PDB file of N, CA and C in Angstrom:
ATOM      1  N   MET A   1       0.451  -1.512   0.288  1.00  0.00           N
ATOM      2  CA  MET A   1      -0.242   0.030  -0.194  1.00  0.00           C
ATOM      3  C   MET A   1       0.945   1.503  -0.045  1.00  0.00           C
ATOM      4  N   ALA A   2       1.565   1.693   1.087  1.00  0.00           N
ATOM      5  CA  ALA A   2       2.857   2.561   0.901  1.00  0.00           C
ATOM      6  C   ALA A   2       3.493   2.658  -0.576  1.00  0.00           C
ATOM      7  N   ASP A   3       4.086   1.581  -1.167  1.00  0.00           N
ATOM      8  CA  ASP A   3       4.799   1.877  -2.465  1.00  0.00           C
ATOM      9  C   ASP A   3       3.796   1.882  -3.558  1.00  0.00           C
ATOM     10  N   GLY A   4       2.530   1.385  -3.374  1.00  0.00           N
ATOM     11  CA  GLY A   4       1.793   2.419  -4.358  1.00  0.00           C
ATOM     12  C   GLY A   4       1.419   3.215  -3.806  1.00  0.00           C
ATOM     13  N   LEU A   5       1.342   4.225  -3.367  1.00  0.00           N
ATOM     14  CA  LEU A   5       1.019   5.610  -2.670  1.00  0.00           C
ATOM     15  C   LEU A   5       2.525   6.564  -3.111  1.00  0.00           C
ATOM     16  N   LEU A   6       3.942   5.841  -2.931  1.00  0.00           N
ATOM     17  CA  LEU A   6       4.901   6.358  -3.157  1.00  0.00           C
ATOM     18  C   LEU A   6       5.092   6.501  -4.661  1.00  0.00           C
ATOM     19  N   PHE A   7       4.931   5.521  -5.622  1.00  0.00           N
ATOM     20  CA  PHE A   7       4.837   5.734  -6.577  1.00  0.00           C
ATOM     21  C   PHE A   7       3.989   6.254  -7.484  1.00  0.00           C
ATOM     22  N   ASN A   8       2.714   6.504  -6.769  1.00  0.00           N
ATOM     23  CA  ASN A   8       1.768   7.667  -7.332  1.00  0.00           C
ATOM     24  C   ASN A   8       2.642   8.949  -7.703  1.00  0.00           C
ATOM     25  N   THR A   9       3.113   9.196  -5.873  1.00  0.00           N
ATOM     26  CA  THR A   9       3.751  10.579  -5.447  1.00  0.00           C
ATOM     27  C   THR A   9       4.521  10.738  -6.451  1.00  0.00           C
ATOM     28  N   ILE A  10       5.531   9.953  -6.950  1.00  0.00           N
ATOM     29  CA  ILE A  10       6.647  10.282  -8.030  1.00  0.00           C
ATOM     30  C   ILE A  10       5.785  10.156  -9.698  1.00  0.00           C
ATOM     31  N   GLU A  11       5.223   9.466  -9.624  1.00  0.00           N
ATOM     32  CA  GLU A  11       4.669   9.644 -11.503  1.00  0.00           C
ATOM     33  C   GLU A  11       4.092  10.873 -11.430  1.00  0.00           C
ATOM     34  N   LYS A  12       3.328  12.025  -9.917  1.00  0.00           N
ATOM     35  CA  LYS A  12       2.641  12.829 -10.890  1.00  0.00           C
ATOM     36  C   LYS A  12       3.959  13.784 -10.618  1.00  0.00           C
ATOM     37  N   LEU A  13       4.986  13.685  -9.937  1.00  0.00           N
ATOM     38  CA  LEU A  13       6.342  14.772  -9.726  1.00  0.00           C
ATOM     39  C   LEU A  13       7.123  14.717 -10.727  1.00  0.00           C
ATOM     40  N   ILE A  14       6.966  13.302 -12.003  1.00  0.00           N
ATOM     41  CA  ILE A  14       7.559  13.194 -12.872  1.00  0.00           C
ATOM     42  C   ILE A  14       6.528  14.112 -14.563  1.00  0.00           C
ATOM     43  N   GLY A  15       5.460  13.873 -13.618  1.00  0.00           N
ATOM     44  CA  GLY A  15       4.218  14.915 -14.714  1.00  0.00           C
ATOM     45  C   GLY A  15       4.716  15.728 -14.730  1.00  0.00           C
ATOM     46  N   LYS A  16       4.642  16.515 -13.363  1.00  0.00           N
ATOM     47  CA  LYS A  16       4.602  18.441 -13.196  1.00  0.00           C
ATOM     48  C   LYS A  16       6.033  18.430 -14.158  1.00  0.00           C
ATOM     49  N   LEU A  17       7.121  17.838 -13.633  1.00  0.00           N
ATOM     50  CA  LEU A  17       8.427  18.162 -14.427  1.00  0.00           C
ATOM     51  C   LEU A  17       8.426  18.402 -15.615  1.00  0.00           C
ATOM     52  N   GLY A  18       7.683  16.780 -16.279  1.00  0.00           N
ATOM     53  CA  GLY A  18       7.435  16.941 -17.989  1.00  0.00           C
ATOM     54  C   GLY A  18       6.481  17.903 -18.817  1.00  0.00           C
ATOM     55  N   SER A  19       5.896  19.083 -18.003  1.00  0.00           N
ATOM     56  CA  SER A  19       5.024  19.178 -18.066  1.00  0.00           C
ATOM     57  C   SER A  19       5.743  20.793 -18.119  1.00  0.00           C
ATOM     58  N   MET A  20       6.547  21.082 -17.425  1.00  0.00           N
ATOM     59  CA  MET A  20       7.595  22.244 -17.006  1.00  0.00           C
ATOM     60  C   MET A  20       8.564  22.105 -18.246  1.00  0.00           C
ATOM     61  N   ALA A  21       9.084  21.316 -18.552  1.00  0.00           N
ATOM     62  CA  ALA A  21      10.011  20.821 -19.821  1.00  0.00           C
ATOM     63  C   ALA A  21       9.284  21.329 -20.884  1.00  0.00           C
ATOM     64  N   VAL A  22       8.160  20.767 -21.156  1.00  0.00           N
ATOM     65  CA  VAL A  22       7.570  20.969 -22.438  1.00  0.00           C
ATOM     66  C   VAL A  22       7.231  22.882 -22.366  1.00  0.00           C
ATOM     67  N   GLU A  23       6.991  23.102 -21.369  1.00  0.00           N
ATOM     68  CA  GLU A  23       6.179  24.847 -21.576  1.00  0.00           C
ATOM     69  C   GLU A  23       7.921  25.773 -21.402  1.00  0.00           C
ATOM     70  N   THR A  24       8.864  25.119 -21.339  1.00  0.00           N
ATOM     71  CA  THR A  24      10.157  25.778 -21.411  1.00  0.00           C
ATOM     72  C   THR A  24      10.507  25.793 -22.845  1.00  0.00           C
ATOM     73  N   TRP A  25      10.998  24.460 -23.351  1.00  0.00           N
ATOM     74  CA  TRP A  25      11.125  24.239 -24.933  1.00  0.00           C
ATOM     75  C   TRP A  25      10.413  25.212 -25.715  1.00  0.00           C
ATOM     76  N   ASN A  26       9.153  24.601 -25.140  1.00  0.00           N
ATOM     77  CA  ASN A  26       7.795  25.108 -26.302  1.00  0.00           C
ATOM     78  C   ASN A  26       8.014  26.721 -26.376  1.00  0.00           C
TER      79      ASN A  26
END
């Protein structure tokens, strides 16, 4: 359960970083 929550949090962080990178490059 804890591992799933941690993975979900990391996935959200990666998604935010990816969105920021796309906005910066575009």
